[in-house]
PDB file of N, CA and C in Angstrom:
ATOM      1  N   UNK A   1       0.764  -1.176   0.063  1.00  0.00           N
ATOM      2  CA  UNK A   1       0.306   0.094   0.185  1.00  0.00           C
ATOM      3  C   UNK A   1       0.742   1.494   0.029  1.00  0.00           C
ATOM      4  N   UNK A   2       0.795   2.272  -1.033  1.00  0.00           N
ATOM      5  CA  UNK A   2       1.257   3.698  -0.920  1.00  0.00           C
ATOM      6  C   UNK A   2       0.726   4.832  -0.383  1.00  0.00           C
ATOM      7  N   UNK A   3       1.306   5.428   0.948  1.00  0.00           N
ATOM      8  CA  UNK A   3       0.733   6.475   1.333  1.00  0.00           C
ATOM      9  C   UNK A   3       0.316   7.335  -0.003  1.00  0.00           C
ATOM     10  N   UNK A   4      -0.785   8.256  -0.038  1.00  0.00           N
ATOM     11  CA  UNK A   4      -1.495   9.801  -0.744  1.00  0.00           C
ATOM     12  C   UNK A   4      -0.538  10.564  -0.507  1.00  0.00           C
ATOM     13  N   UNK A   5       0.472  11.332  -0.602  1.00  0.00           N
ATOM     14  CA  UNK A   5       0.684  12.582  -0.087  1.00  0.00           C
ATOM     15  C   UNK A   5      -0.782  13.846   0.033  1.00  0.00           C
ATOM     16  N   UNK A   6      -0.251  14.435   0.482  1.00  0.00           N
ATOM     17  CA  UNK A   6      -1.475  15.450   1.218  1.00  0.00           C
ATOM     18  C   UNK A   6      -1.513  16.735  -0.082  1.00  0.00           C
ATOM     19  N   UNK A   7      -0.262  16.788  -0.465  1.00  0.00           N
ATOM     20  CA  UNK A   7       0.035  17.727  -1.482  1.00  0.00           C
ATOM     21  C   UNK A   7      -1.180  17.652  -2.645  1.00  0.00           C
ATOM     22  N   UNK A   8      -1.696  18.767  -3.432  1.00  0.00           N
ATOM     23  CA  UNK A   8      -2.284  18.463  -4.526  1.00  0.00           C
ATOM     24  C   UNK A   8      -1.849  17.792  -5.822  1.00  0.00           C
ATOM     25  N   UNK A   9      -0.454  18.084  -5.858  1.00  0.00           N
ATOM     26  CA  UNK A   9       0.127  17.580  -7.215  1.00  0.00           C
ATOM     27  C   UNK A   9      -0.074  15.937  -7.059  1.00  0.00           C
ATOM     28  N   UNK A  10       0.245  15.418  -6.048  1.00  0.00           N
ATOM     29  CA  UNK A  10       0.231  13.766  -5.234  1.00  0.00           C
ATOM     30  C   UNK A  10      -1.208  13.491  -5.807  1.00  0.00           C
ATOM     31  N   UNK A  11      -2.615  14.426  -5.579  1.00  0.00           N
ATOM     32  CA  UNK A  11      -3.678  13.769  -5.713  1.00  0.00           C
ATOM     33  C   UNK A  11      -4.054  14.204  -7.086  1.00  0.00           C
ATOM     34  N   UNK A  12      -3.312  14.890  -8.119  1.00  0.00           N
ATOM     35  CA  UNK A  12      -3.412  15.186  -9.298  1.00  0.00           C
ATOM     36  C   UNK A  12      -2.912  14.234  -9.968  1.00  0.00           C
ATOM     37  N   UNK A  13      -1.823  13.853  -9.808  1.00  0.00           N
ATOM     38  CA  UNK A  13      -1.221  12.899 -10.449  1.00  0.00           C
ATOM     39  C   UNK A  13      -2.098  11.192 -10.513  1.00  0.00           C
ATOM     40  N   UNK A  14      -2.371  10.866  -9.256  1.00  0.00           N
ATOM     41  CA  UNK A  14      -3.033  10.139  -9.040  1.00  0.00           C
ATOM     42  C   UNK A  14      -4.311   9.999 -10.177  1.00  0.00           C
ATOM     43  N   UNK A  15      -5.121  11.217  -9.698  1.00  0.00           N
ATOM     44  CA  UNK A  15      -6.275  11.010 -11.042  1.00  0.00           C
ATOM     45  C   UNK A  15      -5.874  11.502 -12.257  1.00  0.00           C
ATOM     46  N   UNK A  16      -4.910  12.426 -12.363  1.00  0.00           N
ATOM     47  CA  UNK A  16      -4.237  11.987 -13.938  1.00  0.00           C
ATOM     48  C   UNK A  16      -4.422  10.410 -14.627  1.00  0.00           C
ATOM     49  N   UNK A  17      -3.393   9.864 -13.459  1.00  0.00           N
ATOM     50  CA  UNK A  17      -3.142   7.807 -13.876  1.00  0.00           C
ATOM     51  C   UNK A  17      -4.314   7.600 -14.343  1.00  0.00           C
ATOM     52  N   UNK A  18      -5.781   7.860 -13.404  1.00  0.00           N
ATOM     53  CA  UNK A  18      -7.088   7.551 -13.646  1.00  0.00           C
ATOM     54  C   UNK A  18      -7.819   7.257 -14.659  1.00  0.00           C
ATOM     55  N   UNK A  19      -7.625   8.944 -15.217  1.00  0.00           N
ATOM     56  CA  UNK A  19      -8.152   9.093 -16.534  1.00  0.00           C
ATOM     57  C   UNK A  19      -7.243   8.780 -17.632  1.00  0.00           C
ATOM     58  N   UNK A  20      -5.873   8.539 -17.898  1.00  0.00           N
ATOM     59  CA  UNK A  20      -5.260   8.510 -18.646  1.00  0.00           C
ATOM     60  C   UNK A  20      -5.343   6.586 -18.915  1.00  0.00           C
ATOM     61  N   UNK A  21      -6.123   5.829 -17.843  1.00  0.00           N
ATOM     62  CA  UNK A  21      -5.826   4.266 -18.254  1.00  0.00           C
ATOM     63  C   UNK A  21      -4.444   3.560 -18.036  1.00  0.00           C
ATOM     64  N   UNK A  22      -3.660   4.812 -17.556  1.00  0.00           N
ATOM     65  CA  UNK A  22      -1.899   4.120 -17.141  1.00  0.00           C
ATOM     66  C   UNK A  22      -1.774   3.240 -16.784  1.00  0.00           C
ATOM     67  N   UNK A  23      -0.570   2.600 -16.348  1.00  0.00           N
ATOM     68  CA  UNK A  23      -0.393   1.066 -15.585  1.00  0.00           C
ATOM     69  C   UNK A  23      -1.116   0.782 -14.368  1.00  0.00           C
ATOM     70  N   UNK A  24      -1.748   1.846 -14.020  1.00  0.00           N
ATOM     71  CA  UNK A  24      -2.774   1.791 -12.450  1.00  0.00           C
ATOM     72  C   UNK A  24      -3.818   2.212 -12.589  1.00  0.00           C
ATOM     73  N   UNK A  25      -4.259   1.599 -13.201  1.00  0.00           N
ATOM     74  CA  UNK A  25      -5.940   2.302 -14.254  1.00  0.00           C
ATOM     75  C   UNK A  25      -6.718   1.683 -13.451  1.00  0.00           C
ATOM     76  N   UNK A  26      -6.742   0.635 -12.414  1.00  0.00           N
ATOM     77  CA  UNK A  26      -7.484   0.102 -10.944  1.00  0.00           C
ATOM     78  C   UNK A  26      -7.001   0.360 -10.080  1.00  0.00           C
ATOM     79  N   UNK A  27      -7.516   1.299  -9.212  1.00  0.00           N
ATOM     80  CA  UNK A  27      -6.669   1.906  -7.988  1.00  0.00           C
ATOM     81  C   UNK A  27      -8.046   1.725  -7.013  1.00  0.00           C
ATOM     82  N   UNK A  28      -7.758   1.408  -5.577  1.00  0.00           N
ATOM     83  CA  UNK A  28      -8.016   1.091  -4.484  1.00  0.00           C
ATOM     84  C   UNK A  28      -7.469   2.048  -3.532  1.00  0.00           C
ATOM     85  N   UNK A  29      -8.380   3.380  -2.736  1.00  0.00           N
ATOM     86  CA  UNK A  29      -7.950   3.993  -1.658  1.00  0.00           C
ATOM     87  C   UNK A  29      -8.854   3.563  -0.490  1.00  0.00           C
ATOM     88  N   UNK A  30      -7.649   3.212   0.535  1.00  0.00           N
ATOM     89  CA  UNK A  30      -8.125   3.308   2.069  1.00  0.00           C
ATOM     90  C   UNK A  30      -8.200   4.743   2.663  1.00  0.00           C
ATOM     91  N   UNK A  31      -8.838   4.864   3.103  1.00  0.00           N
ATOM     92  CA  UNK A  31      -9.312   6.098   3.683  1.00  0.00           C
ATOM     93  C   UNK A  31      -9.253   5.701   5.318  1.00  0.00           C
ATOM     94  N   UNK A  32      -8.029   6.930   5.876  1.00  0.00           N
ATOM     95  CA  UNK A  32      -7.909   6.154   7.155  1.00  0.00           C
ATOM     96  C   UNK A  32      -7.555   7.972   7.891  1.00  0.00           C
ATOM     97  N   UNK A  33      -7.589   7.684   9.067  1.00  0.00           N
ATOM     98  CA  UNK A  33      -7.559   8.972  10.106  1.00  0.00           C
ATOM     99  C   UNK A  33      -6.619   8.727  10.974  1.00  0.00           C
ATOM    100  N   UNK A  34      -5.998   9.516  11.837  1.00  0.00           N
ATOM    101  CA  UNK A  34      -4.918   9.398  12.540  1.00  0.00           C
ATOM    102  C   UNK A  34      -5.596   9.021  13.959  1.00  0.00           C
ATOM    103  N   UNK A  35      -5.442   8.120  14.397  1.00  0.00           N
ATOM    104  CA  UNK A  35      -5.462   7.387  16.137  1.00  0.00           C
ATOM    105  C   UNK A  35      -6.570   6.713  15.523  1.00  0.00           C
ATOM    106  N   UNK A  36      -6.866   6.000  14.685  1.00  0.00           N
ATOM    107  CA  UNK A  36      -7.935   5.081  13.807  1.00  0.00           C
ATOM    108  C   UNK A  36      -7.682   3.534  14.380  1.00  0.00           C
ATOM    109  N   UNK A  37      -7.929   3.209  15.356  1.00  0.00           N
ATOM    110  CA  UNK A  37      -7.558   1.918  15.967  1.00  0.00           C
ATOM    111  C   UNK A  37      -8.616   0.889  14.915  1.00  0.00           C
ATOM    112  N   UNK A  38      -9.680   0.870  14.150  1.00  0.00           N
ATOM    113  CA  UNK A  38      -9.590   0.059  13.300  1.00  0.00           C
ATOM    114  C   UNK A  38      -9.285   0.153  11.651  1.00  0.00           C
ATOM    115  N   UNK A  39      -8.582   1.498  11.788  1.00  0.00           N
ATOM    116  CA  UNK A  39      -7.645   1.530  10.559  1.00  0.00           C
ATOM    117  C   UNK A  39      -6.246   0.509  10.634  1.00  0.00           C
ATOM    118  N   UNK A  40      -5.753   0.601  12.009  1.00  0.00           N
ATOM    119  CA  UNK A  40      -5.027   0.139  12.251  1.00  0.00           C
ATOM    120  C   UNK A  40      -4.612  -1.764  11.903  1.00  0.00           C
ATOM    121  N   UNK A  41      -6.272  -2.299  12.076  1.00  0.00           N
ATOM    122  CA  UNK A  41      -6.283  -3.817  11.726  1.00  0.00           C
ATOM    123  C   UNK A  41      -6.493  -3.634  10.726  1.00  0.00           C
ATOM    124  N   UNK A  42      -7.279  -3.080  10.275  1.00  0.00           N
ATOM    125  CA  UNK A  42      -8.021  -3.435   8.629  1.00  0.00           C
ATOM    126  C   UNK A  42      -6.220  -3.089   7.878  1.00  0.00           C
ATOM    127  N   UNK A  43      -5.616  -2.396   7.935  1.00  0.00           N
ATOM    128  CA  UNK A  43      -4.170  -2.275   7.179  1.00  0.00           C
ATOM    129  C   UNK A  43      -3.132  -3.260   7.478  1.00  0.00           C
ATOM    130  N   UNK A  44      -3.510  -3.859   8.564  1.00  0.00           N
ATOM    131  CA  UNK A  44      -2.749  -4.883   8.989  1.00  0.00           C
ATOM    132  C   UNK A  44      -2.786  -6.241   8.259  1.00  0.00           C
ATOM    133  N   UNK A  45      -4.620  -5.965   7.876  1.00  0.00           N
ATOM    134  CA  UNK A  45      -4.941  -7.349   7.830  1.00  0.00           C
ATOM    135  C   UNK A  45      -5.220  -7.284   5.996  1.00  0.00           C
ATOM    136  N   UNK A  46      -4.876  -6.202   5.336  1.00  0.00           N
ATOM    137  CA  UNK A  46      -5.268  -5.939   3.728  1.00  0.00           C
ATOM    138  C   UNK A  46      -4.227  -6.241   2.754  1.00  0.00           C
ATOM    139  N   UNK A  47      -4.567  -7.339   2.044  1.00  0.00           N
ATOM    140  CA  UNK A  47      -3.509  -8.104   0.862  1.00  0.00           C
ATOM    141  C   UNK A  47      -4.057  -6.963  -0.591  1.00  0.00           C
ATOM    142  N   UNK A  48      -2.990  -5.910  -0.255  1.00  0.00           N
ATOM    143  CA  UNK A  48      -2.954  -5.266  -1.839  1.00  0.00           C
ATOM    144  C   UNK A  48      -3.049  -5.970  -3.054  1.00  0.00           C
ATOM    145  N   UNK A  49      -2.453  -6.620  -2.870  1.00  0.00           N
ATOM    146  CA  UNK A  49      -1.895  -7.689  -4.363  1.00  0.00           C
ATOM    147  C   UNK A  49      -3.578  -8.083  -4.735  1.00  0.00           C
ATOM    148  N   UNK A  50      -4.328  -8.383  -3.898  1.00  0.00           N
ATOM    149  CA  UNK A  50      -5.697  -8.429  -4.360  1.00  0.00           C
ATOM    150  C   UNK A  50      -6.003  -7.982  -5.430  1.00  0.00           C
ATOM    151  N   UNK A  51      -5.970  -7.012  -5.824  1.00  0.00           N
ATOM    152  CA  UNK A  51      -6.595  -5.898  -6.607  1.00  0.00           C
ATOM    153  C   UNK A  51      -6.121  -6.357  -8.127  1.00  0.00           C
ATOM    154  N   UNK A  52      -5.196  -7.137  -8.124  1.00  0.00           N
ATOM    155  CA  UNK A  52      -4.607  -7.559  -9.627  1.00  0.00           C
ATOM    156  C   UNK A  52      -3.693  -6.573  -9.697  1.00  0.00           C
ATOM    157  N   UNK A  53      -2.259  -7.124 -11.011  1.00  0.00           N
ATOM    158  CA  UNK A  53      -1.143  -6.952 -11.769  1.00  0.00           C
ATOM    159  C   UNK A  53      -1.496  -5.683 -12.162  1.00  0.00           C
ATOM    160  N   UNK A  54      -0.772  -4.189 -12.201  1.00  0.00           N
ATOM    161  CA  UNK A  54      -0.996  -3.426 -12.336  1.00  0.00           C
ATOM    162  C   UNK A  54      -1.741  -2.518 -11.746  1.00  0.00           C
ATOM    163  N   UNK A  55      -1.960  -2.650 -10.593  1.00  0.00           N
ATOM    164  CA  UNK A  55      -3.077  -1.776  -9.944  1.00  0.00           C
ATOM    165  C   UNK A  55      -2.204  -1.949  -8.490  1.00  0.00           C
ATOM    166  N   UNK A  56      -3.092  -0.717  -8.109  1.00  0.00           N
ATOM    167  CA  UNK A  56      -2.396   0.164  -6.760  1.00  0.00           C
ATOM    168  C   UNK A  56      -3.057   0.474  -5.683  1.00  0.00           C
ATOM    169  N   UNK A  57      -2.994   0.523  -4.367  1.00  0.00           N
ATOM    170  CA  UNK A  57      -3.599   0.571  -3.377  1.00  0.00           C
ATOM    171  C   UNK A  57      -3.054   1.902  -2.625  1.00  0.00           C
ATOM    172  N   UNK A  58      -3.822   3.177  -2.265  1.00  0.00           N
ATOM    173  CA  UNK A  58      -3.414   3.975  -1.776  1.00  0.00           C
ATOM    174  C   UNK A  58      -3.884   3.855  -0.336  1.00  0.00           C
ATOM    175  N   UNK A  59      -3.182   5.043   0.722  1.00  0.00           N
ATOM    176  CA  UNK A  59      -4.102   5.190   1.785  1.00  0.00           C
ATOM    177  C   UNK A  59      -3.640   6.856   2.091  1.00  0.00           C
ATOM    178  N   UNK A  60      -4.876   7.135   2.125  1.00  0.00           N
ATOM    179  CA  UNK A  60      -5.205   8.842   2.100  1.00  0.00           C
ATOM    180  C   UNK A  60      -5.711   9.065   3.576  1.00  0.00           C
ATOM    181  N   UNK A  61      -4.840   9.731   4.139  1.00  0.00           N
ATOM    182  CA  UNK A  61      -5.329  10.285   5.466  1.00  0.00           C
ATOM    183  C   UNK A  61      -6.722  10.949   5.356  1.00  0.00           C
ATOM    184  N   UNK A  62      -7.667  11.320   5.997  1.00  0.00           N
ATOM    185  CA  UNK A  62      -8.801  12.072   5.774  1.00  0.00           C
ATOM    186  C   UNK A  62      -8.737  13.233   6.502  1.00  0.00           C
ATOM    187  N   UNK A  63      -7.669  13.748   7.149  1.00  0.00           N
ATOM    188  CA  UNK A  63      -7.060  15.091   7.974  1.00  0.00           C
ATOM    189  C   UNK A  63      -6.786  16.156   6.526  1.00  0.00           C
ATOM    190  N   UNK A  64      -5.370  15.358   6.276  1.00  0.00           N
ATOM    191  CA  UNK A  64      -5.123  15.843   5.156  1.00  0.00           C
ATOM    192  C   UNK A  64      -5.305  15.922   3.972  1.00  0.00           C
ATOM    193  N   UNK A  65      -6.060  14.988   3.411  1.00  0.00           N
ATOM    194  CA  UNK A  65      -6.827  14.777   1.872  1.00  0.00           C
ATOM    195  C   UNK A  65      -8.155  14.705   2.203  1.00  0.00           C
ATOM    196  N   UNK A  66      -8.736  15.679   3.055  1.00  0.00           N
ATOM    197  CA  UNK A  66     -10.265  16.307   3.074  1.00  0.00           C
ATOM    198  C   UNK A  66     -10.728  16.385   1.941  1.00  0.00           C
ATOM    199  N   UNK A  67     -10.136  16.758   1.164  1.00  0.00           N
ATOM    200  CA  UNK A  67     -11.176  17.480  -0.260  1.00  0.00           C
ATOM    201  C   UNK A  67     -11.559  16.305  -1.192  1.00  0.00           C
ATOM    202  N   UNK A  68     -10.308  15.045  -0.783  1.00  0.00           N
ATOM    203  CA  UNK A  68     -10.702  13.786  -1.507  1.00  0.00           C
ATOM    204  C   UNK A  68     -11.847  12.784  -1.145  1.00  0.00           C
ATOM    205  N   UNK A  69     -11.217  13.314   0.284  1.00  0.00           N
ATOM    206  CA  UNK A  69     -12.632  12.052   0.675  1.00  0.00           C
ATOM    207  C   UNK A  69     -14.226  12.965   1.032  1.00  0.00           C
ATOM    208  N   UNK A  70     -14.334  14.108   0.630  1.00  0.00           N
ATOM    209  CA  UNK A  70     -15.517  14.864   0.557  1.00  0.00           C
ATOM    210  C   UNK A  70     -15.912  14.363  -0.310  1.00  0.00           C
ATOM    211  N   UNK A  71     -14.907  14.544  -1.687  1.00  0.00           N
ATOM    212  CA  UNK A  71     -15.352  14.351  -2.939  1.00  0.00           C
ATOM    213  C   UNK A  71     -15.796  12.797  -3.291  1.00  0.00           C
ATOM    214  N   UNK A  72     -15.432  12.309  -2.215  1.00  0.00           N
ATOM    215  CA  UNK A  72     -15.947  10.288  -2.587  1.00  0.00           C
ATOM    216  C   UNK A  72     -17.160  10.155  -1.622  1.00  0.00           C
ATOM    217  N   UNK A  73     -17.121  11.266  -0.438  1.00  0.00           N
ATOM    218  CA  UNK A  73     -18.239  10.718   0.317  1.00  0.00           C
ATOM    219  C   UNK A  73     -18.126  10.157   1.280  1.00  0.00           C
ATOM    220  N   UNK A  74     -17.097  10.165   1.804  1.00  0.00           N
ATOM    221  CA  UNK A  74     -15.996   9.665   2.849  1.00  0.00           C
ATOM    222  C   UNK A  74     -16.683  10.022   4.136  1.00  0.00           C
ATOM    223  N   UNK A  75     -17.587   9.291   5.567  1.00  0.00           N
ATOM    224  CA  UNK A  75     -17.900   9.997   6.699  1.00  0.00           C
ATOM    225  C   UNK A  75     -17.709   9.172   7.689  1.00  0.00           C
ATOM    226  N   UNK A  76     -16.847   8.218   7.385  1.00  0.00           N
ATOM    227  CA  UNK A  76     -16.369   7.325   8.657  1.00  0.00           C
ATOM    228  C   UNK A  76     -14.718   6.421   8.070  1.00  0.00           C
ATOM    229  N   UNK A  77     -14.442   6.277   8.914  1.00  0.00           N
ATOM    230  CA  UNK A  77     -13.268   5.272   8.492  1.00  0.00           C
ATOM    231  C   UNK A  77     -12.958   3.947   9.352  1.00  0.00           C
ATOM    232  N   UNK A  78     -12.540   2.557   8.609  1.00  0.00           N
ATOM    233  CA  UNK A  78     -12.049   3.125   7.287  1.00  0.00           C
ATOM    234  C   UNK A  78     -13.135   3.076   6.351  1.00  0.00           C
ATOM    235  N   UNK A  79     -12.545   3.308   5.690  1.00  0.00           N
ATOM    236  CA  UNK A  79     -13.352   3.014   4.141  1.00  0.00           C
ATOM    237  C   UNK A  79     -12.466   2.840   2.824  1.00  0.00           C
ATOM    238  N   UNK A  80     -12.400   2.005   2.060  1.00  0.00           N
ATOM    239  CA  UNK A  80     -12.315   1.609   1.067  1.00  0.00           C
ATOM    240  C   UNK A  80     -13.574   2.135  -0.097  1.00  0.00           C
ATOM    241  N   UNK A  81     -12.513   2.662  -1.260  1.00  0.00           N
ATOM    242  CA  UNK A  81     -12.708   2.251  -2.399  1.00  0.00           C
ATOM    243  C   UNK A  81     -12.370   2.128  -3.882  1.00  0.00           C
ATOM    244  N   UNK A  82     -12.732   1.218  -4.754  1.00  0.00           N
ATOM    245  CA  UNK A  82     -12.115   0.863  -5.735  1.00  0.00           C
ATOM    246  C   UNK A  82     -12.428   1.521  -6.968  1.00  0.00           C
ATOM    247  N   UNK A  83     -11.607   2.304  -7.713  1.00  0.00           N
ATOM    248  CA  UNK A  83     -11.819   2.938  -8.978  1.00  0.00           C
ATOM    249  C   UNK A  83     -11.619   2.284 -10.043  1.00  0.00           C
ATOM    250  N   UNK A  84     -11.810   2.440 -10.778  1.00  0.00           N
ATOM    251  CA  UNK A  84     -11.486   1.708 -12.734  1.00  0.00           C
ATOM    252  C   UNK A  84     -11.666   3.401 -13.646  1.00  0.00           C
ATOM    253  N   UNK A  85     -10.738   3.511 -13.999  1.00  0.00           N
ATOM    254  CA  UNK A  85     -10.671   5.073 -14.367  1.00  0.00           C
ATOM    255  C   UNK A  85     -10.757   5.976 -13.820  1.00  0.00           C
ATOM    256  N   UNK A  86     -11.913   6.651 -13.795  1.00  0.00           N
ATOM    257  CA  UNK A  86     -12.876   7.439 -12.946  1.00  0.00           C
ATOM    258  C   UNK A  86     -14.297   7.506 -12.328  1.00  0.00           C
ATOM    259  N   UNK A  87     -14.609   6.074 -12.624  1.00  0.00           N
ATOM    260  CA  UNK A  87     -15.947   5.543 -11.929  1.00  0.00           C
ATOM    261  C   UNK A  87     -15.454   4.697 -10.584  1.00  0.00           C
ATOM    262  N   UNK A  88     -16.538   4.939  -9.401  1.00  0.00           N
ATOM    263  CA  UNK A  88     -16.317   4.164  -8.454  1.00  0.00           C
ATOM    264  C   UNK A  88     -16.937   2.773  -8.810  1.00  0.00           C
ATOM    265  N   UNK A  89     -16.158   1.806  -8.641  1.00  0.00           N
ATOM    266  CA  UNK A  89     -16.767   0.192  -9.124  1.00  0.00           C
ATOM    267  C   UNK A  89     -17.393  -0.641  -8.189  1.00  0.00           C
ATOM    268  N   UNK A  90     -16.402   0.016  -6.162  1.00  0.00           N
ATOM    269  CA  UNK A  90     -16.942  -0.762  -5.391  1.00  0.00           C
ATOM    270  C   UNK A  90     -16.427   0.188  -4.137  1.00  0.00           C
ATOM    271  N   UNK A  91     -17.007  -0.221  -3.071  1.00  0.00           N
ATOM    272  CA  UNK A  91     -16.677   0.725  -1.604  1.00  0.00           C
ATOM    273  C   UNK A  91     -17.443  -0.118  -0.189  1.00  0.00           C
ATOM    274  N   UNK A  92     -16.269   0.101   0.444  1.00  0.00           N
ATOM    275  CA  UNK A  92     -16.702  -0.613   2.170  1.00  0.00           C
ATOM    276  C   UNK A  92     -15.868  -0.432   3.461  1.00  0.00           C
ATOM    277  N   UNK A  93     -16.769  -0.031   4.040  1.00  0.00           N
ATOM    278  CA  UNK A  93     -16.471   0.658   5.563  1.00  0.00           C
ATOM    279  C   UNK A  93     -16.930  -0.913   6.581  1.00  0.00           C
ATOM    280  N   UNK A  94     -15.760  -0.416   7.452  1.00  0.00           N
ATOM    281  CA  UNK A  94     -15.908  -1.929   8.423  1.00  0.00           C
ATOM    282  C   UNK A  94     -14.507  -1.479   9.191  1.00  0.00           C
ATOM    283  N   UNK A  95     -14.717  -2.899  10.174  1.00  0.00           N
ATOM    284  CA  UNK A  95     -13.603  -4.014  10.823  1.00  0.00           C
ATOM    285  C   UNK A  95     -12.377  -4.742  10.296  1.00  0.00           C
ATOM    286  N   UNK A  96     -13.544  -5.304   9.961  1.00  0.00           N
ATOM    287  CA  UNK A  96     -12.880  -6.822   9.397  1.00  0.00           C
ATOM    288  C   UNK A  96     -12.061  -6.530   7.502  1.00  0.00           C
ATOM    289  N   UNK A  97     -10.729  -6.969   7.964  1.00  0.00           N
ATOM    290  CA  UNK A  97      -9.722  -7.119   7.181  1.00  0.00           C
ATOM    291  C   UNK A  97     -10.277  -7.681   5.674  1.00  0.00           C
ATOM    292  N   UNK A  98     -10.969  -9.301   6.053  1.00  0.00           N
ATOM    293  CA  UNK A  98     -11.612  -9.546   5.140  1.00  0.00           C
ATOM    294  C   UNK A  98     -12.655  -9.157   4.086  1.00  0.00           C
ATOM    295  N   UNK A  99     -13.233  -8.207   4.726  1.00  0.00           N
ATOM    296  CA  UNK A  99     -14.568  -7.501   3.902  1.00  0.00           C
ATOM    297  C   UNK A  99     -13.613  -6.855   2.569  1.00  0.00           C
ATOM    298  N   UNK A 100     -12.634  -6.246   3.313  1.00  0.00           N
ATOM    299  CA  UNK A 100     -11.662  -5.302   2.530  1.00  0.00           C
ATOM    300  C   UNK A 100     -11.084  -5.697   1.274  1.00  0.00           C
ATOM    301  N   UNK A 101     -10.332  -7.511   2.070  1.00  0.00           N
ATOM    302  CA  UNK A 101      -9.892  -7.776   0.898  1.00  0.00           C
ATOM    303  C   UNK A 101     -10.941  -8.581  -0.158  1.00  0.00           C
ATOM    304  N   UNK A 102     -11.961  -9.067  -0.140  1.00  0.00           N
ATOM    305  CA  UNK A 102     -13.102  -9.251  -0.532  1.00  0.00           C
ATOM    306  C   UNK A 102     -13.040  -8.299  -1.768  1.00  0.00           C
ATOM    307  N   UNK A 103     -13.553  -7.095  -1.348  1.00  0.00           N
ATOM    308  CA  UNK A 103     -14.082  -6.216  -2.114  1.00  0.00           C
ATOM    309  C   UNK A 103     -12.441  -5.664  -3.605  1.00  0.00           C
ATOM    310  N   UNK A 104     -11.364  -6.006  -3.204  1.00  0.00           N
ATOM    311  CA  UNK A 104     -10.248  -6.180  -3.553  1.00  0.00           C
ATOM    312  C   UNK A 104     -10.128  -7.058  -4.906  1.00  0.00           C
ATOM    313  N   UNK A 105     -10.449  -7.896  -4.094  1.00  0.00           N
ATOM    314  CA  UNK A 105     -10.768  -9.555  -4.922  1.00  0.00           C
ATOM    315  C   UNK A 105     -11.506  -9.117  -6.112  1.00  0.00           C
ATOM    316  N   UNK A 106     -13.103  -8.732  -5.798  1.00  0.00           N
ATOM    317  CA  UNK A 106     -14.063  -8.707  -6.546  1.00  0.00           C
ATOM    318  C   UNK A 106     -13.683  -8.225  -7.723  1.00  0.00           C
ATOM    319  N   UNK A 107     -12.825  -6.672  -7.692  1.00  0.00           N
ATOM    320  CA  UNK A 107     -12.701  -5.682  -8.292  1.00  0.00           C
ATOM    321  C   UNK A 107     -11.236  -5.708  -8.821  1.00  0.00           C
ATOM    322  N   UNK A 108     -10.649  -7.304  -8.916  1.00  0.00           N
ATOM    323  CA  UNK A 108      -9.813  -7.316  -9.592  1.00  0.00           C
ATOM    324  C   UNK A 108      -9.222  -7.483 -10.723  1.00  0.00           C
ATOM    325  N   UNK A 109      -8.146  -6.752 -11.165  1.00  0.00           N
ATOM    326  CA  UNK A 109      -8.076  -6.548 -12.630  1.00  0.00           C
ATOM    327  C   UNK A 109      -6.896  -8.209 -12.706  1.00  0.00           C
ATOM    328  N   UNK A 110      -7.243  -8.226 -14.173  1.00  0.00           N
ATOM    329  CA  UNK A 110      -7.171  -9.498 -14.619  1.00  0.00           C
ATOM    330  C   UNK A 110      -5.630  -9.807 -15.222  1.00  0.00           C
TER     331      UNK A 110
END
């Protein structure tokens, strides 16, 4: 899992990759928060490779990436969304890492 920087350039670069269908055209974003115990549980059990080859999972702090969290309607942490291009393909929230891994597997790039 790659941390998503808080700068607008980092976010713009990720979104540009999605729009142009680059090698990371399928992207997972795990929204987490500082001090979020459930986020640590999910991260420790998350298997980002389940999203498939050529895909990437980012971690975005909801405090430093508040605009991005708002844009995707993130109301609680941990929340994960899976994007294919600019379309949201899946979303989950909770504490059980297996639910997050199932979401990644469900939307895996072959």
